[in-house]
Every structure is written in C-alpha cells, then in structure tokens.
Amino acid sequence: MSNDKLVYKTDINLVFDNDCLASFIWVKRIDILVNLYNGRMFIPQVVVDEFSFMKRYSKYKWVYEEVVDAINADLFKVIKIDSNHQAFFEYNKLVNMGKGKGESAAIAIAKTMDNYTACNNLKDIRPFIENNEINNLFTFDILFEYYHKNNSSIEEIEKIISKMRNKKRKLPDIKFKDYIKENFHNIIFDYVYNDHKDTLDELD
C-alpha cells in the first residue's frame, strides 16, 4: 500500500462503483458512508442504471430504492457521462478495452475530475493504481476509517463484514484485524495502529 494512504484525507471525493456501494447498501449501513464522506460522494449514472436491474425482483427491489432514496436526499451526486462531459473520451476508451461500464465510469470520472474511486474490483483497477493514474479505497479501507474515527471495536466491524459476506459481497479473504496490521501500521500514520495496538494484540 502507498504511504500516502487516502483513508486519512478528510477532504477526498469518492466516486462509487457498484460493488463497493452495494457492500453497504445490502447490509443497510449507508450511514457509515454518510458519517465519513457526507457531501463528497458521487455515483455515475451507469452505476445507478446497474442497480435498477434489481427492480425486476420484488424481493430485492428495495436495494435500488435505497440507492434512489440516498440520491434524492442529496447524499450522492449523480454524474452522467454524455458527449459534453470531460470524462466522455476516457469512459469510451475504457469500455472499448472491455472494462465494465460501472468501473469505466468511476475510473474516467476519477481521472478527469481529480476524485478517487471506491471500487472492490481489483482486477479492473489494479493497472490504474499501479501506474498512479487513480487512487482507490476498498470496502475494508472505508471500514477501517470508520473503525478508527468512530472508536468502533474490531468485533463490531467483523459483524458488518460477516453480514456483507452473507449477502455475497466479494471481500478479501482475511480477518479485519489482519488487514489492519498488513496495511496500516507500517506507514506514516503509525500512531493510529498504536492507538489500538492493545486491542489488536489481544485478538492474536
């Protein structure tokens, strides 16, 4: 992970892809995102369209309705990439490369508007991260920021992760405490790990 870990930059704007946003929508914890990024969350129109697919199923249409309600409450700003949008060329280039429309839109917006992606699809975004074309937060990164800033417990976050996995969300096959140790305690924000070190060590 980069030493310039974005999870600590309180002024970042996040462009959500379907998979990351869905992790929170499916377990009805959009409050976590609002707590951390209120007023700085964006969602491409094509991602909204992907969620609209859930309207076909009476059992799951609430997922799409949750997204619409969040948009109507101004929690997310929707960005439509049309021919006049600055991300239009980049978006079409990525789609023609075989990238998913949601990932393509999030990446194109992030690259052209100096925002950051919130995406779990590492396969699609890894080259852009490694080439320093975009910066990205995964669901676990967001959960860590919530854990730290709200003084939550490891157990609370693990319960959220368990619920996400039960809803078939694709997450790293690693315990949350191990993710913290691997990604957050040997970087420039070492004091954050130290603040919680006793709790983490007790769980070993």
C-alpha atoms as a PDB file:
ATOM      1  CA  MET A   1       0.000   0.000   0.000  1.00  0.00           C
ATOM      2  CA  SER A   2       1.079   3.562  -0.633  1.00  0.00           C
ATOM      3  CA  ASN A   3       2.467   5.555   2.278  1.00  0.00           C
ATOM      4  CA  ASP A   4       0.054   8.317   1.261  1.00  0.00           C
ATOM      5  CA  LYS A   5      -2.965   6.356   2.458  1.00  0.00           C
ATOM      6  CA  LEU A   6      -6.070   8.209   1.325  1.00  0.00           C
ATOM      7  CA  VAL A   7      -8.208   6.930   4.160  1.00  0.00           C
ATOM      8  CA  TYR A   8      -6.863   9.751   6.319  1.00  0.00           C
ATOM      9  CA  LYS A   9      -7.549  12.603   3.925  1.00  0.00           C
ATOM     10  CA  THR A  10     -10.788  14.073   5.149  1.00  0.00           C
ATOM     11  CA  ASP A  11     -11.385  16.176   2.041  1.00  0.00           C
ATOM     12  CA  ILE A  12     -11.385  13.427  -0.582  1.00  0.00           C
ATOM     13  CA  ASN A  13     -14.230  12.989  -3.068  1.00  0.00           C
ATOM     14  CA  LEU A  14     -15.236   9.392  -3.757  1.00  0.00           C
ATOM     15  CA  VAL A  15     -16.742   8.052  -6.978  1.00  0.00           C
ATOM     16  CA  PHE A  16     -18.520   4.803  -6.176  1.00  0.00           C
ATOM     17  CA  ASP A  17     -18.640   1.758  -8.370  1.00  0.00           C
ATOM     18  CA  ASN A  18     -21.470  -0.736  -7.942  1.00  0.00           C
ATOM     19  CA  ASP A  19     -19.575  -3.339  -5.922  1.00  0.00           C
ATOM     20  CA  CYS A  20     -18.299  -1.050  -3.169  1.00  0.00           C
ATOM     21  CA  LEU A  21     -21.548   0.859  -2.721  1.00  0.00           C
ATOM     22  CA  ALA A  22     -23.536  -2.391  -2.784  1.00  0.00           C
ATOM     23  CA  SER A  23     -21.481  -3.717   0.121  1.00  0.00           C
ATOM     24  CA  PHE A  24     -23.015  -1.040   2.326  1.00  0.00           C
ATOM     25  CA  ILE A  25     -26.463  -0.910   0.729  1.00  0.00           C
ATOM     26  CA  TRP A  26     -27.109  -4.649   1.107  1.00  0.00           C
ATOM     27  CA  VAL A  27     -26.451  -4.572   4.857  1.00  0.00           C
ATOM     28  CA  LYS A  28     -28.287  -1.254   5.285  1.00  0.00           C
ATOM     29  CA  ARG A  29     -25.209   0.576   6.568  1.00  0.00           C
ATOM     30  CA  ILE A  30     -25.103   3.530   4.215  1.00  0.00           C
ATOM     31  CA  ASP A  31     -24.868   5.566   7.419  1.00  0.00           C
ATOM     32  CA  ILE A  32     -21.185   4.601   7.546  1.00  0.00           C
ATOM     33  CA  LEU A  33     -20.555   6.337   4.220  1.00  0.00           C
ATOM     34  CA  VAL A  34     -22.560   9.397   5.242  1.00  0.00           C
ATOM     35  CA  ASN A  35     -20.649   9.574   8.524  1.00  0.00           C
ATOM     36  CA  LEU A  36     -17.317   9.688   6.708  1.00  0.00           C
ATOM     37  CA  TYR A  37     -17.938  11.359   3.334  1.00  0.00           C
ATOM     38  CA  ASN A  38     -21.139  13.373   3.533  1.00  0.00           C
ATOM     39  CA  GLY A  39     -21.247  15.913   0.706  1.00  0.00           C
ATOM     40  CA  ARG A  40     -18.320  14.285  -1.106  1.00  0.00           C
ATOM     41  CA  MET A  41     -19.871  11.164  -2.653  1.00  0.00           C
ATOM     42  CA  PHE A  42     -20.507  10.700  -6.359  1.00  0.00           C
ATOM     43  CA  ILE A  43     -22.135   7.915  -8.341  1.00  0.00           C
ATOM     44  CA  PRO A  44     -22.082   7.547 -12.139  1.00  0.00           C
ATOM     45  CA  GLN A  45     -25.470   7.330 -13.818  1.00  0.00           C
ATOM     46  CA  VAL A  46     -24.468   3.995 -15.354  1.00  0.00           C
ATOM     47  CA  VAL A  47     -23.985   2.606 -11.833  1.00  0.00           C
ATOM     48  CA  VAL A  48     -27.469   3.798 -10.887  1.00  0.00           C
ATOM     49  CA  ASP A  49     -28.712   2.014 -14.019  1.00  0.00           C
ATOM     50  CA  GLU A  50     -26.956  -1.172 -12.877  1.00  0.00           C
ATOM     51  CA  PHE A  51     -28.761  -1.012  -9.547  1.00  0.00           C
ATOM     52  CA  SER A  52     -32.076  -0.509 -11.367  1.00  0.00           C
ATOM     53  CA  PHE A  53     -31.798  -4.113 -12.530  1.00  0.00           C
ATOM     54  CA  MET A  54     -32.950  -5.084  -9.027  1.00  0.00           C
ATOM     55  CA  LYS A  55     -36.400  -3.647  -9.775  1.00  0.00           C
ATOM     56  CA  ARG A  56     -37.153  -6.861 -11.649  1.00  0.00           C
ATOM     57  CA  TYR A  57     -37.231  -8.817  -8.410  1.00  0.00           C
ATOM     58  CA  SER A  58     -39.863  -7.990  -5.808  1.00  0.00           C
ATOM     59  CA  LYS A  59     -37.669  -9.437  -3.063  1.00  0.00           C
ATOM     60  CA  TYR A  60     -34.698  -7.240  -3.914  1.00  0.00           C
ATOM     61  CA  LYS A  61     -36.142  -4.069  -5.412  1.00  0.00           C
ATOM     62  CA  TRP A  62     -35.540  -2.344  -2.056  1.00  0.00           C
ATOM     63  CA  VAL A  63     -31.829  -2.275  -2.921  1.00  0.00           C
ATOM     64  CA  TYR A  64     -32.465   0.022  -5.867  1.00  0.00           C
ATOM     65  CA  GLU A  65     -34.950   2.036  -3.820  1.00  0.00           C
ATOM     66  CA  GLU A  66     -32.271   2.590  -1.156  1.00  0.00           C
ATOM     67  CA  VAL A  67     -29.955   3.999  -3.811  1.00  0.00           C
ATOM     68  CA  VAL A  68     -32.669   6.283  -5.198  1.00  0.00           C
ATOM     69  CA  ASP A  69     -33.597   7.472  -1.701  1.00  0.00           C
ATOM     70  CA  ALA A  70     -29.958   8.312  -0.981  1.00  0.00           C
ATOM     71  CA  ILE A  71     -29.713  10.284  -4.224  1.00  0.00           C
ATOM     72  CA  ASN A  72     -32.969  12.132  -3.540  1.00  0.00           C
ATOM     73  CA  ALA A  73     -31.641  13.015  -0.087  1.00  0.00           C
ATOM     74  CA  ASP A  74     -28.579  14.575  -1.782  1.00  0.00           C
ATOM     75  CA  LEU A  75     -26.237  12.060  -0.186  1.00  0.00           C
ATOM     76  CA  PHE A  76     -24.829  11.301  -3.633  1.00  0.00           C
ATOM     77  CA  LYS A  77     -24.354  13.491  -6.650  1.00  0.00           C
ATOM     78  CA  VAL A  78     -25.135  11.604  -9.856  1.00  0.00           C
ATOM     79  CA  ILE A  79     -22.752  12.175 -12.765  1.00  0.00           C
ATOM     80  CA  LYS A  80     -23.988  11.398 -16.254  1.00  0.00           C
ATOM     81  CA  ILE A  81     -21.221  10.985 -18.785  1.00  0.00           C
ATOM     82  CA  ASP A  82     -22.615  12.368 -22.016  1.00  0.00           C
ATOM     83  CA  SER A  83     -20.781  13.662 -25.066  1.00  0.00           C
ATOM     84  CA  ASN A  84     -20.247  17.022 -23.386  1.00  0.00           C
ATOM     85  CA  HIS A  85     -18.713  15.606 -20.212  1.00  0.00           C
ATOM     86  CA  GLN A  86     -14.954  15.835 -19.780  1.00  0.00           C
ATOM     87  CA  ALA A  87     -14.780  12.108 -18.947  1.00  0.00           C
ATOM     88  CA  PHE A  88     -16.597  11.044 -22.142  1.00  0.00           C
ATOM     89  CA  PHE A  89     -13.497  10.159 -24.176  1.00  0.00           C
ATOM     90  CA  GLU A  90     -11.810   8.311 -21.321  1.00  0.00           C
ATOM     91  CA  TYR A  91     -15.009   6.410 -20.487  1.00  0.00           C
ATOM     92  CA  ASN A  92     -15.475   5.162 -24.049  1.00  0.00           C
ATOM     93  CA  LYS A  93     -11.828   4.202 -24.301  1.00  0.00           C
ATOM     94  CA  LEU A  94     -12.122   2.039 -21.177  1.00  0.00           C
ATOM     95  CA  VAL A  95     -15.385   0.433 -22.310  1.00  0.00           C
ATOM     96  CA  ASN A  96     -13.778  -0.414 -25.656  1.00  0.00           C
ATOM     97  CA  MET A  97     -10.951  -2.054 -23.717  1.00  0.00           C
ATOM     98  CA  GLY A  98     -13.514  -4.445 -22.246  1.00  0.00           C
ATOM     99  CA  LYS A  99     -13.874  -2.847 -18.814  1.00  0.00           C
ATOM    100  CA  GLY A 100     -17.300  -2.903 -17.168  1.00  0.00           C
ATOM    101  CA  LYS A 101     -19.406   0.219 -17.628  1.00  0.00           C
ATOM    102  CA  GLY A 102     -19.537   0.935 -13.893  1.00  0.00           C
ATOM    103  CA  GLU A 103     -15.797   0.564 -13.410  1.00  0.00           C
ATOM    104  CA  SER A 104     -15.119   2.535 -16.607  1.00  0.00           C
ATOM    105  CA  ALA A 105     -17.313   5.411 -15.488  1.00  0.00           C
ATOM    106  CA  ALA A 106     -15.814   5.567 -11.996  1.00  0.00           C
ATOM    107  CA  ILE A 107     -12.253   5.442 -13.328  1.00  0.00           C
ATOM    108  CA  ALA A 108     -12.912   8.016 -16.067  1.00  0.00           C
ATOM    109  CA  ILE A 109     -14.527  10.441 -13.626  1.00  0.00           C
ATOM    110  CA  ALA A 110     -11.746   9.986 -11.077  1.00  0.00           C
ATOM    111  CA  LYS A 111      -9.039  10.547 -13.680  1.00  0.00           C
ATOM    112  CA  THR A 112     -10.579  13.653 -15.211  1.00  0.00           C
ATOM    113  CA  MET A 113     -12.064  15.309 -12.114  1.00  0.00           C
ATOM    114  CA  ASP A 114      -9.279  14.559  -9.605  1.00  0.00           C
ATOM    115  CA  ASN A 115     -11.571  12.404  -7.489  1.00  0.00           C
ATOM    116  CA  TYR A 116     -10.947   8.942  -6.073  1.00  0.00           C
ATOM    117  CA  THR A 117     -12.616   5.649  -6.849  1.00  0.00           C
ATOM    118  CA  ALA A 118     -14.364   3.431  -4.320  1.00  0.00           C
ATOM    119  CA  CYS A 119     -14.162   0.068  -6.015  1.00  0.00           C
ATOM    120  CA  ASN A 120     -13.541  -3.543  -4.960  1.00  0.00           C
ATOM    121  CA  ASN A 121     -12.807  -4.917  -8.427  1.00  0.00           C
ATOM    122  CA  LEU A 122      -9.037  -5.051  -8.151  1.00  0.00           C
ATOM    123  CA  LYS A 123      -8.690  -6.914 -11.445  1.00  0.00           C
ATOM    124  CA  ASP A 124     -10.064  -3.945 -13.380  1.00  0.00           C
ATOM    125  CA  ILE A 125      -8.457  -1.128 -11.425  1.00  0.00           C
ATOM    126  CA  ARG A 126      -5.047  -2.569 -10.467  1.00  0.00           C
ATOM    127  CA  PRO A 127      -3.196  -1.244 -13.568  1.00  0.00           C
ATOM    128  CA  PHE A 128      -4.505   2.277 -12.952  1.00  0.00           C
ATOM    129  CA  ILE A 129      -3.488   2.160  -9.301  1.00  0.00           C
ATOM    130  CA  GLU A 130      -0.028   0.786 -10.074  1.00  0.00           C
ATOM    131  CA  ASN A 131       0.506   3.453 -12.756  1.00  0.00           C
ATOM    132  CA  ASN A 132      -0.583   6.174 -10.299  1.00  0.00           C
ATOM    133  CA  GLU A 133      -3.453   7.160 -12.601  1.00  0.00           C
ATOM    134  CA  ILE A 134      -6.057   6.830  -9.838  1.00  0.00           C
ATOM    135  CA  ASN A 135      -6.295   6.363  -6.106  1.00  0.00           C
ATOM    136  CA  ASN A 136      -8.799   3.914  -4.694  1.00  0.00           C
ATOM    137  CA  LEU A 137     -10.447   2.909  -1.433  1.00  0.00           C
ATOM    138  CA  PHE A 138     -11.696  -0.625  -0.934  1.00  0.00           C
ATOM    139  CA  THR A 139     -14.590  -1.527   1.347  1.00  0.00           C
ATOM    140  CA  PHE A 140     -12.097  -2.662   4.012  1.00  0.00           C
ATOM    141  CA  ASP A 141     -10.328   0.721   3.830  1.00  0.00           C
ATOM    142  CA  ILE A 142     -13.614   2.511   4.414  1.00  0.00           C
ATOM    143  CA  LEU A 143     -14.431   0.193   7.304  1.00  0.00           C
ATOM    144  CA  PHE A 144     -11.029   0.886   8.807  1.00  0.00           C
ATOM    145  CA  GLU A 145     -11.580   4.635   8.638  1.00  0.00           C
ATOM    146  CA  TYR A 146     -14.940   4.125  10.331  1.00  0.00           C
ATOM    147  CA  TYR A 147     -13.304   1.883  12.938  1.00  0.00           C
ATOM    148  CA  HIS A 148     -10.669   4.469  13.747  1.00  0.00           C
ATOM    149  CA  LYS A 149     -12.618   7.708  13.574  1.00  0.00           C
ATOM    150  CA  ASN A 150     -15.634   6.401  15.492  1.00  0.00           C
ATOM    151  CA  ASN A 151     -13.664   4.355  18.024  1.00  0.00           C
ATOM    152  CA  SER A 152     -15.518   1.216  17.000  1.00  0.00           C
ATOM    153  CA  SER A 153     -14.467  -2.256  18.047  1.00  0.00           C
ATOM    154  CA  ILE A 154     -12.930  -4.992  15.954  1.00  0.00           C
ATOM    155  CA  GLU A 155     -15.907  -7.180  16.838  1.00  0.00           C
ATOM    156  CA  GLU A 156     -18.388  -4.605  15.523  1.00  0.00           C
ATOM    157  CA  ILE A 157     -16.580  -4.311  12.193  1.00  0.00           C
ATOM    158  CA  GLU A 158     -16.241  -8.090  11.871  1.00  0.00           C
ATOM    159  CA  LYS A 159     -20.023  -8.403  12.303  1.00  0.00           C
ATOM    160  CA  ILE A 160     -20.566  -5.904   9.492  1.00  0.00           C
ATOM    161  CA  ILE A 161     -18.124  -7.794   7.274  1.00  0.00           C
ATOM    162  CA  SER A 162     -19.852 -11.080   8.073  1.00  0.00           C
ATOM    163  CA  LYS A 163     -23.197  -9.609   7.036  1.00  0.00           C
ATOM    164  CA  MET A 164     -21.645  -8.349   3.800  1.00  0.00           C
ATOM    165  CA  ARG A 165     -20.258 -11.789   3.022  1.00  0.00           C
ATOM    166  CA  ASN A 166     -23.639 -13.360   3.772  1.00  0.00           C
ATOM    167  CA  LYS A 167     -25.046 -11.066   1.094  1.00  0.00           C
ATOM    168  CA  LYS A 168     -22.488 -12.456  -1.381  1.00  0.00           C
ATOM    169  CA  ARG A 169     -20.297  -9.357  -1.370  1.00  0.00           C
ATOM    170  CA  LYS A 170     -16.803 -10.047  -2.698  1.00  0.00           C
ATOM    171  CA  LEU A 171     -14.359  -9.080   0.039  1.00  0.00           C
ATOM    172  CA  PRO A 172     -10.755 -10.040   0.846  1.00  0.00           C
ATOM    173  CA  ASP A 173     -10.366 -13.454   2.443  1.00  0.00           C
ATOM    174  CA  ILE A 174      -8.698 -12.037   5.526  1.00  0.00           C
ATOM    175  CA  LYS A 175      -9.695 -11.095   9.051  1.00  0.00           C
ATOM    176  CA  PHE A 176     -10.190  -7.398   9.622  1.00  0.00           C
ATOM    177  CA  LYS A 177      -7.507  -7.202  12.331  1.00  0.00           C
ATOM    178  CA  ASP A 178      -5.012  -8.800   9.942  1.00  0.00           C
ATOM    179  CA  TYR A 179      -5.951  -6.360   7.203  1.00  0.00           C
ATOM    180  CA  ILE A 180      -5.178  -3.525   9.611  1.00  0.00           C
ATOM    181  CA  LYS A 181      -1.798  -4.970  10.522  1.00  0.00           C
ATOM    182  CA  GLU A 182      -0.862  -5.584   6.894  1.00  0.00           C
ATOM    183  CA  ASN A 183      -1.963  -2.214   5.550  1.00  0.00           C
ATOM    184  CA  PHE A 184      -1.991   0.432   8.237  1.00  0.00           C
ATOM    185  CA  HIS A 185       0.644   0.103  10.954  1.00  0.00           C
ATOM    186  CA  ASN A 186       3.887   0.392   8.973  1.00  0.00           C
ATOM    187  CA  ILE A 187       3.033   3.627   7.197  1.00  0.00           C
ATOM    188  CA  ILE A 188       3.286   7.308   8.047  1.00  0.00           C
ATOM    189  CA  PHE A 189       0.186   7.044  10.257  1.00  0.00           C
ATOM    190  CA  ASP A 190       1.806   4.534  12.618  1.00  0.00           C
ATOM    191  CA  TYR A 191       0.272   6.250  15.643  1.00  0.00           C
ATOM    192  CA  VAL A 192      -3.165   5.045  14.544  1.00  0.00           C
ATOM    193  CA  TYR A 193      -2.115   1.436  14.919  1.00  0.00           C
ATOM    194  CA  ASN A 194      -0.526   2.217  18.253  1.00  0.00           C
ATOM    195  CA  ASP A 195      -3.777   3.767  19.488  1.00  0.00           C
ATOM    196  CA  HIS A 196      -5.459   0.381  19.059  1.00  0.00           C
ATOM    197  CA  LYS A 197      -2.445  -1.893  19.497  1.00  0.00           C
ATOM    198  CA  ASP A 198      -3.561  -3.468  22.782  1.00  0.00           C
ATOM    199  CA  THR A 199      -6.940  -4.381  21.317  1.00  0.00           C
ATOM    200  CA  LEU A 200      -5.374  -5.835  18.185  1.00  0.00           C
ATOM    201  CA  ASP A 201      -2.771  -7.833  20.079  1.00  0.00           C
ATOM    202  CA  GLU A 202      -5.415  -9.313  22.381  1.00  0.00           C
ATOM    203  CA  LEU A 203      -7.099 -10.829  19.339  1.00  0.00           C
ATOM    204  CA  ASP A 204      -3.988 -12.706  18.181  1.00  0.00           C
END
